[in-house]
N, C-alpha and C. Protein backbone atom coordinates (compact mmCIF):
# COMPACT_ATOMS: atom_id res chain seq x y z
N GLU A 1 88.27 92.63 162.78
CA GLU A 1 88.44 91.29 162.42
C GLU A 1 87.04 90.29 162.92
N ARG A 2 86.30 90.87 163.83
CA ARG A 2 85.32 90.34 164.46
C ARG A 2 84.61 89.39 163.36
N ASP A 3 84.55 89.98 161.96
CA ASP A 3 83.76 89.22 160.93
C ASP A 3 84.28 88.55 159.93
N LEU A 4 85.37 88.17 160.56
CA LEU A 4 86.49 87.26 159.24
C LEU A 4 86.18 86.12 159.49
N GLU A 5 85.22 85.32 160.05
CA GLU A 5 84.63 84.06 159.84
C GLU A 5 83.70 84.17 159.16
N PHE A 6 82.76 85.04 159.00
CA PHE A 6 81.63 85.35 158.19
C PHE A 6 81.94 86.09 156.52
N ARG A 7 83.24 86.69 156.69
CA ARG A 7 83.84 87.23 154.92
C ARG A 7 84.26 85.83 154.28
N SER A 8 84.91 84.98 155.33
CA SER A 8 85.55 83.63 154.54
C SER A 8 84.02 82.84 153.95
N HIS A 9 82.94 83.22 153.95
CA HIS A 9 82.03 82.54 153.73
C HIS A 9 81.40 83.31 152.34
N ALA A 10 82.05 83.96 151.96
CA ALA A 10 81.58 85.08 150.65
C ALA A 10 81.52 83.90 149.56
N ASP A 11 82.06 83.15 149.12
CA ASP A 11 82.07 82.28 148.48
C ASP A 11 81.10 81.26 148.32
N ALA A 12 80.65 80.54 149.35
CA ALA A 12 79.73 80.11 149.85
C ALA A 12 78.06 80.61 149.52
N LEU A 13 78.00 82.13 150.38
CA LEU A 13 77.03 83.01 150.00
C LEU A 13 76.94 83.69 148.64
N ALA A 14 77.82 83.60 147.62
CA ALA A 14 77.45 84.23 146.47
C ALA A 14 76.43 83.81 145.60
N PRO A 15 76.14 82.36 145.47
CA PRO A 15 75.25 81.83 144.87
C PRO A 15 73.92 82.25 145.32
N PHE A 16 73.56 82.24 146.97
CA PHE A 16 72.44 83.16 147.48
C PHE A 16 72.20 84.70 147.14
N VAL A 17 73.23 85.29 147.19
CA VAL A 17 73.45 86.58 146.73
C VAL A 17 72.57 86.75 145.34
N HIS A 18 73.08 86.02 144.31
CA HIS A 18 72.64 86.06 143.08
C HIS A 18 71.42 85.55 142.73
N GLY A 19 70.97 84.54 143.73
CA GLY A 19 69.57 84.18 143.34
C GLY A 19 68.59 85.13 143.98
N PHE A 20 69.13 85.80 145.00
CA PHE A 20 68.25 87.01 145.68
C PHE A 20 67.95 88.03 144.54
N TYR A 21 68.88 88.44 144.08
CA TYR A 21 68.99 89.48 142.82
C TYR A 21 68.36 89.07 141.62
N ARG A 22 68.41 87.61 141.13
CA ARG A 22 67.76 87.10 140.04
C ARG A 22 66.36 87.29 140.24
N LYS A 23 65.77 86.36 141.55
CA LYS A 23 64.30 86.37 141.73
C LYS A 23 63.59 87.95 141.89
N LEU A 24 64.37 88.90 142.63
CA LEU A 24 64.00 90.02 142.41
C LEU A 24 63.71 90.76 141.46
N GLY A 25 64.91 90.75 140.59
CA GLY A 25 64.97 91.28 139.30
C GLY A 25 63.90 90.89 138.10
N LYS A 26 63.59 89.54 138.56
CA LYS A 26 62.27 88.93 137.71
C LYS A 26 61.11 89.56 137.97
N LYS A 27 60.85 89.49 139.19
CA LYS A 27 59.62 90.06 139.71
C LYS A 27 59.63 91.47 139.39
N GLU A 28 60.44 92.16 139.25
CA GLU A 28 60.32 93.55 139.27
C GLU A 28 60.60 94.02 137.63
N GLY A 29 60.94 93.40 136.90
CA GLY A 29 61.36 93.61 135.44
C GLY A 29 62.51 94.12 135.04
N TRP A 30 63.84 93.96 135.96
CA TRP A 30 64.66 95.08 135.77
C TRP A 30 66.04 94.03 135.27
N LEU A 31 65.58 92.48 135.43
CA LEU A 31 66.71 91.58 135.47
C LEU A 31 67.14 91.59 134.05
N ARG A 32 68.32 91.72 133.86
CA ARG A 32 69.55 91.46 132.42
C ARG A 32 69.35 90.20 132.08
N PRO A 33 69.25 90.04 130.85
CA PRO A 33 69.39 88.48 130.37
C PRO A 33 70.50 87.79 130.72
N GLU A 34 71.43 88.43 130.70
CA GLU A 34 72.99 87.91 130.76
C GLU A 34 73.04 87.54 132.13
N MET A 35 72.16 87.90 133.01
CA MET A 35 72.08 87.77 134.55
C MET A 35 71.23 86.58 134.74
N ASP A 36 70.40 86.24 133.80
CA ASP A 36 69.14 85.08 134.28
C ASP A 36 69.63 83.84 133.68
N ARG A 37 70.74 83.46 134.59
CA ARG A 37 71.33 82.08 134.61
C ARG A 37 71.61 81.73 135.91
N GLU A 38 71.88 80.16 136.12
CA GLU A 38 72.45 79.78 137.45
C GLU A 38 73.62 80.61 137.56
N TYR A 39 74.13 80.43 139.07
CA TYR A 39 75.48 81.11 139.47
C TYR A 39 76.39 80.58 138.85
N ALA A 40 76.79 79.44 138.43
CA ALA A 40 77.74 78.71 138.28
C ALA A 40 77.91 78.97 136.77
N ASP A 41 76.95 79.44 136.05
CA ASP A 41 77.27 79.40 134.62
C ASP A 41 77.09 80.99 134.31
N LEU A 42 77.45 81.97 135.20
CA LEU A 42 77.71 83.32 135.14
C LEU A 42 79.15 83.56 134.89
N PRO A 43 79.47 84.36 134.09
CA PRO A 43 80.82 84.84 133.80
C PRO A 43 81.74 85.10 135.09
N ASP A 44 82.89 85.02 135.13
CA ASP A 44 83.69 85.70 136.32
C ASP A 44 83.39 86.77 137.12
N GLU A 45 83.37 87.58 136.15
CA GLU A 45 83.00 88.91 136.44
C GLU A 45 81.69 89.12 137.47
N TYR A 46 80.55 88.54 136.89
CA TYR A 46 79.28 88.70 137.74
C TYR A 46 79.40 87.69 139.04
N ARG A 47 80.01 86.73 139.23
CA ARG A 47 80.48 86.15 140.10
C ARG A 47 81.10 86.67 141.25
N ASP A 48 82.27 87.49 140.85
CA ASP A 48 82.84 88.35 141.52
C ASP A 48 82.08 89.39 142.22
N ASP A 49 81.17 90.17 141.39
CA ASP A 49 80.24 90.91 141.95
C ASP A 49 79.43 90.31 143.39
N ASN A 50 78.88 89.12 142.86
CA ASN A 50 78.11 88.50 144.00
C ASN A 50 79.13 88.11 145.27
N ARG A 51 79.99 87.85 145.15
CA ARG A 51 81.35 87.43 146.21
C ARG A 51 81.57 88.99 146.81
N ALA A 52 81.92 89.68 146.34
CA ALA A 52 82.01 91.38 146.91
C ALA A 52 80.80 91.68 147.43
N ALA A 53 79.53 91.50 146.96
CA ALA A 53 78.14 91.91 147.50
C ALA A 53 77.94 90.90 148.91
N ALA A 54 78.09 89.68 148.93
CA ALA A 54 78.42 88.70 150.19
C ALA A 54 79.12 89.20 151.37
N ALA A 55 80.72 89.79 151.01
CA ALA A 55 81.77 89.98 151.84
C ALA A 55 81.13 91.13 152.57
N ARG A 56 80.76 92.10 151.76
CA ARG A 56 80.30 93.49 152.37
C ARG A 56 79.19 93.51 153.28
N ILE A 57 78.38 92.31 153.50
CA ILE A 57 77.28 92.57 154.57
C ILE A 57 77.63 93.05 155.85
N SER A 58 78.78 92.20 156.36
CA SER A 58 79.21 92.77 157.72
C SER A 58 79.51 94.00 157.86
N ASP A 59 80.15 94.74 157.03
CA ASP A 59 80.61 96.22 157.28
C ASP A 59 79.23 96.96 157.09
N VAL A 60 78.37 96.51 156.33
CA VAL A 60 77.38 97.50 156.21
C VAL A 60 76.38 97.36 157.38
N VAL A 61 76.21 96.21 157.94
CA VAL A 61 75.46 96.44 159.28
C VAL A 61 76.10 96.72 160.29
N SER A 62 77.60 96.74 160.15
CA SER A 62 78.00 97.12 161.53
C SER A 62 77.68 98.72 161.77
N LEU A 63 77.40 99.63 160.44
CA LEU A 63 77.02 100.95 160.84
C LEU A 63 75.86 101.07 161.81
N VAL A 64 75.02 100.40 161.58
CA VAL A 64 73.78 100.28 162.74
C VAL A 64 73.74 99.64 163.98
N GLY A 65 75.21 99.23 164.09
CA GLY A 65 75.32 98.51 165.52
C GLY A 65 74.87 97.14 165.57
N LEU A 66 75.00 96.04 164.21
CA LEU A 66 74.62 95.03 164.17
C LEU A 66 76.00 94.06 164.17
N TYR A 67 75.98 93.14 164.40
CA TYR A 67 77.19 92.11 164.38
C TYR A 67 76.90 90.85 163.60
N VAL A 68 77.78 90.09 162.65
CA VAL A 68 77.22 88.97 162.11
C VAL A 68 78.03 87.73 162.69
N VAL A 69 77.31 86.88 163.19
CA VAL A 69 77.99 85.74 164.28
C VAL A 69 77.47 84.78 163.63
N PRO A 70 78.37 83.00 163.88
CA PRO A 70 77.69 82.06 163.92
C PRO A 70 75.99 81.85 164.76
N GLU A 71 75.52 81.17 163.59
CA GLU A 71 73.96 80.78 164.34
C GLU A 71 74.02 80.21 165.89
N SER A 72 75.28 79.55 166.12
CA SER A 72 75.44 78.89 167.48
C SER A 72 75.93 80.08 168.33
N HIS A 73 76.37 81.34 168.03
CA HIS A 73 76.67 82.19 169.09
C HIS A 73 75.61 82.82 170.25
N PRO A 74 75.92 82.50 171.51
CA PRO A 74 74.60 82.76 172.05
C PRO A 74 74.61 84.43 172.29
N SER A 75 73.45 84.66 172.46
CA SER A 75 73.04 86.32 172.39
C SER A 75 71.97 86.49 173.32
N SER A 76 71.77 87.85 174.07
CA SER A 76 70.86 88.02 174.82
C SER A 76 69.92 88.93 173.98
N ASP A 77 69.93 88.78 172.77
CA ASP A 77 69.07 90.07 171.88
C ASP A 77 67.70 89.45 172.37
N PRO A 78 66.67 90.47 172.40
CA PRO A 78 65.20 90.26 172.45
C PRO A 78 65.02 89.68 170.67
N PRO A 79 63.88 89.19 170.85
CA PRO A 79 63.53 88.51 169.60
C PRO A 79 63.20 89.68 168.75
N ASP A 80 63.52 89.41 167.32
CA ASP A 80 63.43 90.66 166.33
C ASP A 80 64.09 91.83 166.59
N ALA A 81 65.28 91.85 167.42
CA ALA A 81 65.81 93.08 167.63
C ALA A 81 66.55 93.28 166.59
N ALA A 82 67.25 92.36 165.66
CA ALA A 82 68.15 92.84 164.54
C ALA A 82 67.10 93.07 163.40
N ARG A 83 66.18 92.56 163.15
CA ARG A 83 65.17 92.98 162.01
C ARG A 83 64.74 94.33 162.68
N GLU A 84 64.28 94.50 163.78
CA GLU A 84 64.06 96.04 163.85
C GLU A 84 64.90 96.82 163.40
N ALA A 85 66.09 96.46 163.91
CA ALA A 85 67.33 97.44 163.56
C ALA A 85 67.53 98.11 162.29
N VAL A 86 67.24 96.53 161.36
CA VAL A 86 67.62 96.82 159.82
C VAL A 86 66.13 97.90 159.56
N GLU A 87 64.96 97.33 159.51
CA GLU A 87 63.70 98.08 159.38
C GLU A 87 64.14 99.74 159.98
N GLN A 88 64.44 100.05 160.97
CA GLN A 88 64.53 101.49 161.50
C GLN A 88 65.53 102.55 160.87
N ASN A 89 66.65 101.32 160.08
CA ASN A 89 67.71 101.97 159.69
C ASN A 89 67.90 101.94 158.11
N ILE A 90 66.71 101.46 157.50
CA ILE A 90 67.12 101.00 156.05
C ILE A 90 67.53 101.93 155.28
N GLU A 91 67.26 103.36 155.24
CA GLU A 91 68.08 104.13 154.36
C GLU A 91 69.77 104.30 154.96
N ILE A 92 69.88 104.21 155.93
CA ILE A 92 71.46 104.11 156.22
C ILE A 92 71.93 103.02 155.51
N LEU A 93 71.38 101.89 155.42
CA LEU A 93 71.93 100.25 155.21
C LEU A 93 71.90 100.32 153.74
N ALA A 94 70.92 101.04 153.15
CA ALA A 94 70.69 100.80 151.68
C ALA A 94 71.81 101.76 150.81
N GLU A 95 72.08 102.85 151.63
CA GLU A 95 73.25 104.00 151.25
C GLU A 95 74.30 103.09 151.27
N ALA A 96 74.59 102.75 152.42
CA ALA A 96 76.08 101.85 152.67
C ALA A 96 76.31 100.89 151.65
N GLU A 97 75.13 99.93 151.36
CA GLU A 97 75.12 98.94 150.25
C GLU A 97 75.43 99.61 148.93
N HIS A 98 74.95 100.75 148.67
CA HIS A 98 75.15 101.43 147.43
C HIS A 98 76.57 101.86 147.27
N ASP A 99 77.17 102.35 148.49
CA ASP A 99 78.62 102.99 148.16
C ASP A 99 79.39 101.95 148.27
N GLY A 100 79.47 100.79 148.78
CA GLY A 100 80.15 99.59 148.83
C GLY A 100 80.09 98.82 147.56
N TRP A 101 78.78 98.74 146.68
CA TRP A 101 78.80 98.57 145.25
C TRP A 101 79.66 99.36 144.46
N MET A 102 79.67 100.78 144.41
CA MET A 102 80.10 101.76 143.83
C MET A 102 81.53 101.63 143.90
N ARG A 103 82.15 101.23 145.30
CA ARG A 103 83.82 101.35 145.44
C ARG A 103 84.31 99.88 144.80
N TYR A 104 83.35 98.71 144.77
CA TYR A 104 83.92 97.71 144.28
C TYR A 104 83.92 98.00 142.57
N LYS A 105 82.83 98.49 142.22
CA LYS A 105 83.04 98.78 140.66
C LYS A 105 84.06 99.83 140.08
N ILE A 106 84.10 100.54 140.88
CA ILE A 106 85.26 101.93 140.42
C ILE A 106 86.83 100.86 140.84
N GLN A 107 86.97 100.33 141.81
CA GLN A 107 88.13 99.66 141.86
C GLN A 107 88.41 98.81 140.73
N ASN A 108 87.17 98.09 140.04
CA ASN A 108 87.43 97.30 139.01
C ASN A 108 87.32 98.12 137.54
N GLY A 109 87.55 99.11 137.48
CA GLY A 109 87.74 99.89 136.55
C GLY A 109 86.33 100.57 135.41
N TRP A 110 85.46 100.36 136.61
CA TRP A 110 84.07 101.05 136.03
C TRP A 110 84.11 102.79 135.94
N THR A 111 83.31 103.20 135.34
CA THR A 111 83.27 104.53 135.35
C THR A 111 81.51 104.94 134.92
N PHE A 112 81.12 106.14 135.78
CA PHE A 112 79.86 106.49 135.52
C PHE A 112 79.46 107.17 134.01
N GLY A 113 78.32 106.87 133.38
CA GLY A 113 78.07 107.53 132.12
C GLY A 113 76.39 107.27 132.25
N GLU A 114 75.78 108.14 131.28
CA GLU A 114 74.40 108.08 131.19
C GLU A 114 73.96 107.03 130.69
N LYS A 115 74.58 106.09 129.93
CA LYS A 115 73.89 104.99 129.64
C LYS A 115 74.60 103.64 130.12
N ARG A 116 74.22 102.57 130.64
CA ARG A 116 75.13 101.38 131.13
C ARG A 116 75.40 100.97 129.63
N ASP A 117 76.80 100.49 130.02
CA ASP A 117 77.62 99.62 128.78
C ASP A 117 78.52 98.89 129.41
N ASP A 118 78.23 97.50 129.79
CA ASP A 118 78.94 96.61 130.40
C ASP A 118 80.39 96.30 129.60
N ALA A 119 80.25 96.11 128.34
CA ALA A 119 81.45 96.21 127.50
C ALA A 119 82.54 96.96 127.78
N LEU A 120 82.07 98.32 128.01
CA LEU A 120 82.95 99.47 128.18
C LEU A 120 82.96 99.89 129.78
N LYS A 121 82.53 99.11 130.39
CA LYS A 121 82.68 99.21 132.11
C LYS A 121 82.06 100.78 132.52
N VAL A 122 80.64 100.95 131.86
CA VAL A 122 79.98 102.19 132.07
C VAL A 122 78.64 101.87 132.80
N HIS A 123 78.57 102.78 133.81
CA HIS A 123 77.20 102.39 134.50
C HIS A 123 76.73 103.60 135.06
N ASP A 124 75.32 103.83 134.60
CA ASP A 124 74.66 104.91 134.83
C ASP A 124 74.40 105.04 136.34
N CYS A 125 74.49 104.22 137.26
CA CYS A 125 74.43 104.15 138.81
C CYS A 125 75.58 104.52 139.47
N LEU A 126 76.69 104.68 139.03
CA LEU A 126 77.79 105.05 139.79
C LEU A 126 77.86 106.59 140.09
N LYS A 127 76.85 106.89 141.04
CA LYS A 127 76.57 108.27 141.55
C LYS A 127 76.22 108.10 142.81
N PRO A 128 76.21 109.28 143.50
CA PRO A 128 75.76 109.00 145.03
C PRO A 128 74.49 108.56 145.05
N TYR A 129 73.99 107.98 146.27
CA TYR A 129 72.74 107.49 146.59
C TYR A 129 71.67 108.23 146.39
N ARG A 130 72.05 109.45 146.92
CA ARG A 130 70.77 110.67 146.88
C ARG A 130 70.32 111.01 145.35
N GLU A 131 71.36 110.83 144.39
CA GLU A 131 71.04 111.06 143.16
C GLU A 131 70.32 109.74 142.28
N LEU A 132 70.26 108.89 143.03
CA LEU A 132 69.51 107.71 141.98
C LEU A 132 68.03 107.85 141.86
N SER A 133 67.58 107.22 141.14
CA SER A 133 66.06 106.89 141.18
C SER A 133 65.50 106.12 142.53
N GLU A 134 64.08 106.41 142.37
CA GLU A 134 63.62 105.67 143.50
C GLU A 134 63.55 104.43 143.49
N CYS A 135 63.60 103.86 141.98
CA CYS A 135 63.64 102.26 141.53
C CYS A 135 65.10 101.84 141.90
N GLU A 136 66.02 102.38 141.60
CA GLU A 136 67.48 102.11 142.01
C GLU A 136 67.57 102.30 143.61
N LYS A 137 67.20 103.09 144.14
CA LYS A 137 67.23 103.20 145.63
C LYS A 137 66.25 101.97 146.19
N GLU A 138 65.37 101.69 145.87
CA GLU A 138 64.16 100.60 146.12
C GLU A 138 65.35 99.12 146.10
N LYS A 139 66.08 99.26 144.84
CA LYS A 139 67.05 97.66 145.09
C LYS A 139 68.09 97.62 145.98
N ASP A 140 68.46 98.81 146.43
CA ASP A 140 69.47 98.81 147.57
C ASP A 140 68.87 98.28 149.17
N ARG A 141 67.45 99.17 149.06
CA ARG A 141 66.56 98.71 150.28
C ARG A 141 66.38 97.36 150.28
N ASN A 142 65.87 96.70 149.16
CA ASN A 142 65.54 95.38 149.34
C ASN A 142 66.87 94.37 149.54
N THR A 143 67.67 94.31 149.21
CA THR A 143 69.14 94.06 149.28
C THR A 143 69.25 94.03 150.78
N ALA A 144 69.38 95.37 151.45
CA ALA A 144 69.60 95.38 152.96
C ALA A 144 68.35 94.66 153.67
N LYS A 145 67.27 94.55 153.17
CA LYS A 145 66.21 94.02 154.09
C LYS A 145 66.41 92.67 153.64
N ASN A 146 67.19 91.91 152.80
CA ASN A 146 67.26 90.52 152.73
C ASN A 146 68.57 90.07 153.36
N TYR A 147 69.67 90.83 153.97
CA TYR A 147 70.34 90.27 154.56
C TYR A 147 70.52 89.35 155.45
N MET A 148 69.49 89.27 156.28
CA MET A 148 69.06 88.17 157.24
C MET A 148 68.99 86.95 156.57
N GLY A 149 68.22 86.77 155.54
CA GLY A 149 68.06 85.68 154.71
C GLY A 149 69.10 85.07 154.04
N ILE A 150 69.93 85.88 153.36
CA ILE A 150 71.22 85.72 152.81
C ILE A 150 72.38 85.02 153.80
N ILE A 151 72.47 85.61 155.14
CA ILE A 151 73.45 85.13 155.77
C ILE A 151 73.12 83.63 156.28
N ARG A 152 71.55 83.64 156.99
CA ARG A 152 71.15 82.38 157.45
C ARG A 152 71.77 81.28 156.46
N GLU A 153 71.61 81.62 155.30
CA GLU A 153 72.17 80.38 154.28
C GLU A 153 73.33 79.80 154.61
N ALA A 154 74.43 80.57 155.14
CA ALA A 154 75.53 80.21 155.76
C ALA A 154 75.60 79.85 157.14
N LYS A 155 74.81 79.64 157.91
CA LYS A 155 74.39 79.45 159.18
C LYS A 155 75.31 80.79 159.99
N PHE A 156 74.68 81.83 159.78
CA PHE A 156 75.02 82.60 160.43
C PHE A 156 73.98 83.48 161.01
N LYS A 157 73.79 84.70 161.74
CA LYS A 157 72.79 85.79 162.09
C LYS A 157 73.56 86.63 162.43
N MET A 158 72.49 87.78 162.59
CA MET A 158 72.78 89.14 163.14
C MET A 158 72.14 89.48 164.72
N VAL A 159 72.95 90.08 165.13
CA VAL A 159 72.53 90.47 166.62
C VAL A 159 72.98 91.80 167.19
N THR A 160 72.49 92.54 167.97
CA THR A 160 72.53 93.99 168.46
C THR A 160 73.70 93.94 169.66
N ASP A 161 73.97 92.47 170.20
CA ASP A 161 74.71 92.53 171.10
C ASP A 161 75.55 91.35 171.00
N LEU A 162 76.59 91.24 171.25
CA LEU A 162 77.76 90.32 171.32
C LEU A 162 77.76 89.08 172.52
N GLY A 163 77.05 89.73 173.48
CA GLY A 163 76.68 89.27 174.85
C GLY A 163 78.10 88.98 175.77
């Protein structure tokens, strides 16, 4: 329950999560047209995906000994300790991000298929991280690398020591 306060901010963080994906997708050329709109203009399903992504950040980073705390929380961390922990554990974080995304999708009726079809809730990335293409893995890596910026928007930070 240590991250309950952070999780309660998932609604506020969701637009920033969407903004991150939208910017990255445009840059790398994989953004789907239906996602290229402001958060408020997204269908409920896509907004729910972004809220789930925001809420799972604290679970994912906890796997490598990081905590999400309010930015006012005192910490004895050396400068850049959390950033270094993310960089040193990027594959663990990326795989956990992917696993969390898969759990959310499966719980919401999605299944694996060779070709993505949103109308039928079929997705070609509903498979273990190790089986993803490098391009798909890089999306998860980029997500984990950007956790700090996303949580900063909600006035939180990552620390290695609760102090």
